[in-house]
């Protein structure tokens, strides 16, 4: 997959030695984001943030393909596209990759391993690190709990 960013360069720059605290109620506290790459791909596919927020609710209910290691595959856009969502620990749900069903059947094992490693990194981020990624426009918040962002 030549068009997908292969590393979390912005994430690596932001990564420090921090440990994720256990969340007592991930449903209420979970925040959903999309990466800058995903934002462009979703815009091109005409997928709006309200559809992405609704899809996150469905993923939380188990209405997606759990690929293990904090990686989920969710159908979008009337089943025309597939998204890869990273959510290790259920604290941050991050739309990472989007592909058209007609162009690609699935992700390969190497990509899945990369996504699992990236999910671990996202899970370890502190609120300050998330704020920095938002400020740098590497991430865009699309919903916080059940509240869509304006």
Protein backbone atom coordinates (compact mmCIF):
# COMPACT_ATOMS: atom_id res chain seq x y z
CA UNK A 1 0.00 0.00 0.00
CA UNK A 2 2.07 2.88 -1.23
CA UNK A 3 -0.39 5.64 -0.33
CA UNK A 4 -0.70 4.92 3.40
CA UNK A 5 1.79 6.64 5.69
CA UNK A 6 4.08 3.84 6.88
CA UNK A 7 5.14 5.30 10.20
CA UNK A 8 3.73 7.41 12.96
CA UNK A 9 6.43 10.06 12.53
CA UNK A 10 4.39 12.79 14.18
CA UNK A 11 3.42 10.36 16.89
CA UNK A 12 7.02 9.20 17.41
CA UNK A 13 8.12 12.82 17.84
CA UNK A 14 5.46 13.28 20.49
CA UNK A 15 6.05 9.93 22.24
CA UNK A 16 7.57 9.95 25.73
CA UNK A 17 7.83 7.51 28.58
CA UNK A 18 4.25 7.54 29.80
CA UNK A 19 1.90 4.82 30.87
CA UNK A 20 -1.79 4.61 30.26
CA UNK A 21 -3.98 4.65 33.32
CA UNK A 22 -6.86 2.19 33.47
CA UNK A 23 -10.08 3.82 32.39
CA UNK A 24 -13.05 3.07 34.59
CA UNK A 25 -15.62 4.14 32.00
CA UNK A 26 -14.13 4.18 28.52
CA UNK A 27 -17.59 4.64 26.95
CA UNK A 28 -18.00 8.09 28.50
CA UNK A 29 -14.42 9.26 28.24
CA UNK A 30 -13.49 7.93 24.78
CA UNK A 31 -12.51 10.57 22.24
CA UNK A 32 -12.44 10.01 18.49
CA UNK A 33 -9.94 11.55 16.09
CA UNK A 34 -8.89 11.31 12.48
CA UNK A 35 -5.34 11.69 11.24
CA UNK A 36 -4.40 14.34 8.70
CA UNK A 37 -3.98 11.61 6.08
CA UNK A 38 -7.40 10.13 6.88
CA UNK A 39 -8.99 13.60 6.76
CA UNK A 40 -7.88 14.05 3.14
CA UNK A 41 -8.97 10.54 2.14
CA UNK A 42 -12.39 10.93 3.81
CA UNK A 43 -12.92 14.32 2.16
CA UNK A 44 -12.15 12.78 -1.24
CA UNK A 45 -14.58 9.91 -0.50
CA UNK A 46 -17.20 12.44 0.76
CA UNK A 47 -17.42 10.87 4.21
CA UNK A 48 -18.51 13.40 6.81
CA UNK A 49 -17.57 13.58 10.48
CA UNK A 50 -21.11 12.77 11.65
CA UNK A 51 -20.91 9.43 9.82
CA UNK A 52 -17.53 8.79 11.44
CA UNK A 53 -18.92 9.54 14.92
CA UNK A 54 -21.88 7.25 14.32
CA UNK A 55 -19.51 4.51 13.15
CA UNK A 56 -17.44 4.84 16.35
CA UNK A 57 -20.59 4.24 18.40
CA UNK A 58 -21.21 1.08 16.36
CA UNK A 59 -17.62 -0.10 16.83
CA UNK A 60 -17.99 0.34 20.61
CA UNK A 61 -21.06 -1.93 20.41
CA UNK A 62 -19.04 -4.59 18.61
CA UNK A 63 -20.43 -3.85 15.14
CA UNK A 64 -17.09 -4.04 13.33
CA UNK A 65 -14.31 -6.46 12.57
CA UNK A 66 -11.93 -6.68 15.53
CA UNK A 67 -8.53 -7.48 13.99
CA UNK A 68 -6.85 -7.73 17.41
CA UNK A 69 -4.28 -5.56 19.13
CA UNK A 70 -6.51 -2.48 19.14
CA UNK A 71 -7.17 -2.56 15.38
CA UNK A 72 -10.72 -2.44 14.02
CA UNK A 73 -12.06 -2.48 10.48
CA UNK A 74 -15.37 -0.65 9.93
CA UNK A 75 -17.46 -0.30 6.79
CA UNK A 76 -18.34 3.28 5.83
CA UNK A 77 -20.05 5.21 3.06
CA UNK A 78 -22.84 2.72 2.32
CA UNK A 79 -20.34 -0.16 2.34
CA UNK A 80 -18.19 1.42 -0.39
CA UNK A 81 -15.18 2.08 1.89
CA UNK A 82 -13.36 0.41 4.75
CA UNK A 83 -11.73 2.28 7.58
CA UNK A 84 -9.03 1.15 9.96
CA UNK A 85 -9.58 2.48 13.47
CA UNK A 86 -6.96 2.17 16.22
CA UNK A 87 -8.19 2.00 19.80
CA UNK A 88 -5.99 0.14 22.23
CA UNK A 89 -7.56 0.53 25.66
CA UNK A 90 -10.68 2.32 24.38
CA UNK A 91 -9.47 5.77 25.48
CA UNK A 92 -8.70 7.21 22.06
CA UNK A 93 -10.36 6.00 18.86
CA UNK A 94 -8.30 7.12 15.87
CA UNK A 95 -9.28 6.78 12.24
CA UNK A 96 -5.95 5.88 10.63
CA UNK A 97 -6.60 4.48 7.17
CA UNK A 98 -9.34 4.43 4.54
CA UNK A 99 -9.62 2.35 1.39
CA UNK A 100 -12.28 1.72 -1.24
CA UNK A 101 -13.66 -1.79 -1.29
CA UNK A 102 -13.37 -1.82 -5.11
CA UNK A 103 -9.63 -0.99 -4.95
CA UNK A 104 -8.47 -3.29 -2.18
CA UNK A 105 -9.89 -6.41 -0.58
CA UNK A 106 -8.15 -6.08 2.77
CA UNK A 107 -4.95 -5.05 4.52
CA UNK A 108 -1.99 -7.43 4.51
CA UNK A 109 -0.28 -8.97 7.54
CA UNK A 110 2.59 -6.46 7.49
CA UNK A 111 0.17 -3.53 7.54
CA UNK A 112 -1.80 -5.17 10.34
CA UNK A 113 1.38 -5.51 12.43
CA UNK A 114 2.19 -1.84 11.75
CA UNK A 115 -1.32 -0.80 12.82
CA UNK A 116 -1.08 -2.85 16.03
CA UNK A 117 2.24 -1.21 16.93
CA UNK A 118 0.79 2.23 16.23
CA UNK A 119 -2.29 1.44 18.35
CA UNK A 120 0.03 0.75 21.30
CA UNK A 121 1.72 4.11 20.82
CA UNK A 122 -1.59 5.95 20.65
CA UNK A 123 -2.79 4.20 23.82
CA UNK A 124 0.24 5.49 25.74
CA UNK A 125 -0.29 9.16 24.83
CA UNK A 126 -0.98 11.67 27.57
CA UNK A 127 -3.58 14.42 27.30
CA UNK A 128 -0.74 16.92 26.73
CA UNK A 129 0.60 14.86 23.85
CA UNK A 130 -2.86 14.64 22.29
CA UNK A 131 -3.20 18.41 22.66
CA UNK A 132 0.13 18.86 20.86
CA UNK A 133 -0.93 16.55 18.00
CA UNK A 134 -4.16 18.55 17.69
CA UNK A 135 -2.27 21.86 17.72
CA UNK A 136 0.12 20.57 15.05
CA UNK A 137 -2.91 19.43 12.98
CA UNK A 138 -1.65 15.83 12.93
CA UNK A 139 -5.00 14.87 14.50
CA UNK A 140 -8.48 16.37 14.28
CA UNK A 141 -11.02 15.59 17.00
CA UNK A 142 -14.36 14.54 15.60
CA UNK A 143 -16.26 13.46 18.74
CA UNK A 144 -15.81 13.28 22.49
CA UNK A 145 -17.98 10.62 24.10
CA UNK A 146 -21.37 11.12 22.46
CA UNK A 147 -20.68 14.77 21.64
CA UNK A 148 -19.74 15.59 18.04
CA UNK A 149 -17.14 18.35 17.64
CA UNK A 150 -18.17 21.52 15.86
